Amino acid sequence: QVQLVESGGGLVQAGGSLRLSCAASGSRFRINTMAWYRQAPGKQRELVARITTSDSTSYGDSVKGRFTISGDNAKNTVYLQMSSLKPDDTARYYCNANAWIGNVGYLFWGQGTQVTVSS
């Protein structure tokens, strides 16, 4: 199993910044990709950003140019730097990891961290 622990959420004013972190732990696993998703009340969970172990990144259209995902492979940790935050960014942010245990692929989720942007 892989455990994902997110941190860094909180309350921020519009235009502000926050940095989220997600650390993966466990035994005998190899990360393939890590990603951040978010879900606001009454809305579907959506992809925010994804990063591979070779540092290839992709972003949801609504955050392009404002959010930056980065990773530390040695620490199995992924970060999400969020800037120019808007009230529409208010959501619970979830970390996701696609990982190999042996030769079987698994998808793991963290518990999430709340981000609230006030206007």
Protein backbone atom coordinates (compact mmCIF):
# COMPACT_ATOMS: atom_id res chain seq x y z
CA GLN A 1 0.00 0.00 0.00
CA VAL A 2 0.95 3.63 -0.53
CA GLN A 3 -0.13 6.37 1.83
CA LEU A 4 -0.49 9.93 0.58
CA VAL A 5 -0.47 12.82 3.02
CA GLU A 6 -1.37 16.29 1.81
CA SER A 7 -0.58 19.55 3.56
CA GLY A 8 -0.57 23.28 2.91
CA GLY A 9 -4.23 24.09 2.45
CA GLY A 10 -5.93 26.99 4.15
CA LEU A 11 -7.76 30.28 3.76
CA VAL A 12 -6.33 32.94 1.45
CA GLN A 13 -7.59 36.12 -0.15
CA ALA A 14 -8.17 36.37 -3.87
CA GLY A 15 -4.93 37.11 -5.66
CA GLY A 16 -2.90 35.33 -3.03
CA SER A 17 -0.78 32.20 -3.16
CA LEU A 18 -0.60 28.83 -1.47
CA ARG A 19 1.71 25.85 -1.78
CA LEU A 20 0.39 22.34 -1.34
CA SER A 21 2.57 19.32 -0.63
CA CYS A 22 1.86 15.61 -0.94
CA ALA A 23 4.21 12.96 0.38
CA ALA A 24 3.91 9.31 -0.60
CA SER A 25 5.08 6.60 1.77
CA GLY A 26 4.95 2.84 1.91
CA SER A 27 7.12 -0.06 0.91
CA ARG A 28 8.30 -1.51 -2.38
CA PHE A 29 6.50 0.92 -4.64
CA ARG A 30 7.53 2.87 -7.71
CA ILE A 31 5.74 6.06 -8.61
CA ASN A 32 4.69 6.47 -12.23
CA THR A 33 2.74 9.72 -12.02
CA MET A 34 1.42 11.98 -9.31
CA ALA A 35 -1.36 14.48 -9.68
CA TRP A 36 -3.59 16.97 -7.95
CA TYR A 37 -7.35 16.90 -8.35
CA ARG A 38 -9.94 19.15 -6.77
CA GLN A 39 -13.60 18.93 -5.97
CA ALA A 40 -15.88 21.79 -5.04
CA PRO A 41 -19.29 21.21 -3.42
CA GLY A 42 -21.80 20.06 -6.00
CA LYS A 43 -19.19 19.65 -8.71
CA GLN A 44 -17.30 16.74 -10.19
CA ARG A 45 -13.71 16.07 -9.24
CA GLU A 46 -11.42 17.61 -11.85
CA LEU A 47 -7.77 17.31 -12.74
CA VAL A 48 -5.66 20.26 -11.67
CA ALA A 49 -2.18 19.12 -12.66
CA ARG A 50 -0.17 15.96 -13.25
CA ILE A 51 3.54 15.21 -13.28
CA THR A 52 5.51 12.16 -14.33
CA THR A 53 8.78 10.94 -12.86
CA SER A 54 10.49 12.41 -15.92
CA ASP A 55 8.99 15.82 -15.01
CA SER A 56 6.52 15.94 -17.86
CA THR A 57 3.59 18.08 -16.71
CA SER A 58 0.02 18.79 -17.75
CA TYR A 59 -2.59 21.17 -16.38
CA GLY A 60 -6.31 21.71 -16.35
CA ASP A 61 -7.36 24.62 -18.53
CA SER A 62 -8.66 26.67 -15.61
CA VAL A 63 -5.28 26.76 -13.83
CA LYS A 64 -2.82 27.09 -16.71
CA GLY A 65 -0.43 29.96 -16.15
CA ARG A 66 -1.36 30.27 -12.46
CA PHE A 67 -0.46 26.90 -10.92
CA THR A 68 2.81 25.01 -11.13
CA ILE A 69 3.31 21.36 -10.24
CA SER A 70 6.74 20.04 -9.30
CA GLY A 71 8.14 16.92 -7.76
CA ASP A 72 11.00 15.51 -5.74
CA ASN A 73 11.51 11.91 -6.84
CA ALA A 74 13.94 11.17 -4.03
CA LYS A 75 11.31 12.16 -1.47
CA ASN A 76 8.30 10.80 -3.40
CA THR A 77 6.76 14.21 -2.89
CA VAL A 78 4.81 16.45 -5.22
CA TYR A 79 4.10 20.14 -4.78
CA LEU A 80 1.48 22.46 -6.20
CA GLN A 81 2.34 26.15 -6.22
CA MET A 82 -0.88 28.11 -6.63
CA SER A 83 -0.77 31.80 -7.50
CA SER A 84 -3.30 34.45 -8.48
CA LEU A 85 -5.92 32.46 -6.64
CA LYS A 86 -9.57 33.09 -7.38
CA PRO A 87 -12.71 32.28 -5.38
CA ASP A 88 -13.49 29.65 -8.05
CA ASP A 89 -10.37 27.79 -6.91
CA THR A 90 -12.09 27.04 -3.60
CA ALA A 91 -12.28 23.26 -3.30
CA ARG A 92 -10.88 20.25 -1.52
CA TYR A 93 -7.62 19.32 -3.21
CA TYR A 94 -6.68 15.67 -3.46
CA CYS A 95 -3.33 14.11 -4.20
CA ASN A 96 -3.29 11.08 -6.49
CA ALA A 97 -0.51 8.62 -7.26
CA ASN A 98 -0.28 6.02 -9.96
CA ALA A 99 2.25 3.53 -8.61
CA TRP A 100 3.65 0.09 -9.26
CA ILE A 101 3.88 -2.52 -6.52
CA GLY A 102 5.72 -5.39 -8.09
CA ASN A 103 4.35 -5.57 -11.62
CA VAL A 104 0.84 -4.44 -10.74
CA GLY A 105 -0.31 -0.85 -11.11
CA TYR A 106 -2.45 0.84 -8.49
CA LEU A 107 -4.12 4.19 -8.01
CA PHE A 108 -3.97 5.79 -4.59
CA TRP A 109 -5.69 8.88 -3.17
CA GLY A 110 -4.98 11.11 -0.23
CA GLN A 111 -7.60 12.43 2.18
CA GLY A 112 -7.47 15.91 0.71
CA THR A 113 -6.73 19.39 1.98
CA GLN A 114 -9.17 22.28 1.91
CA VAL A 115 -8.36 25.45 0.00
CA THR A 116 -10.67 28.40 0.49
CA VAL A 117 -10.22 31.64 -1.45
CA SER A 118 -12.12 34.65 -0.19
CA SER A 119 -13.17 37.51 -2.45
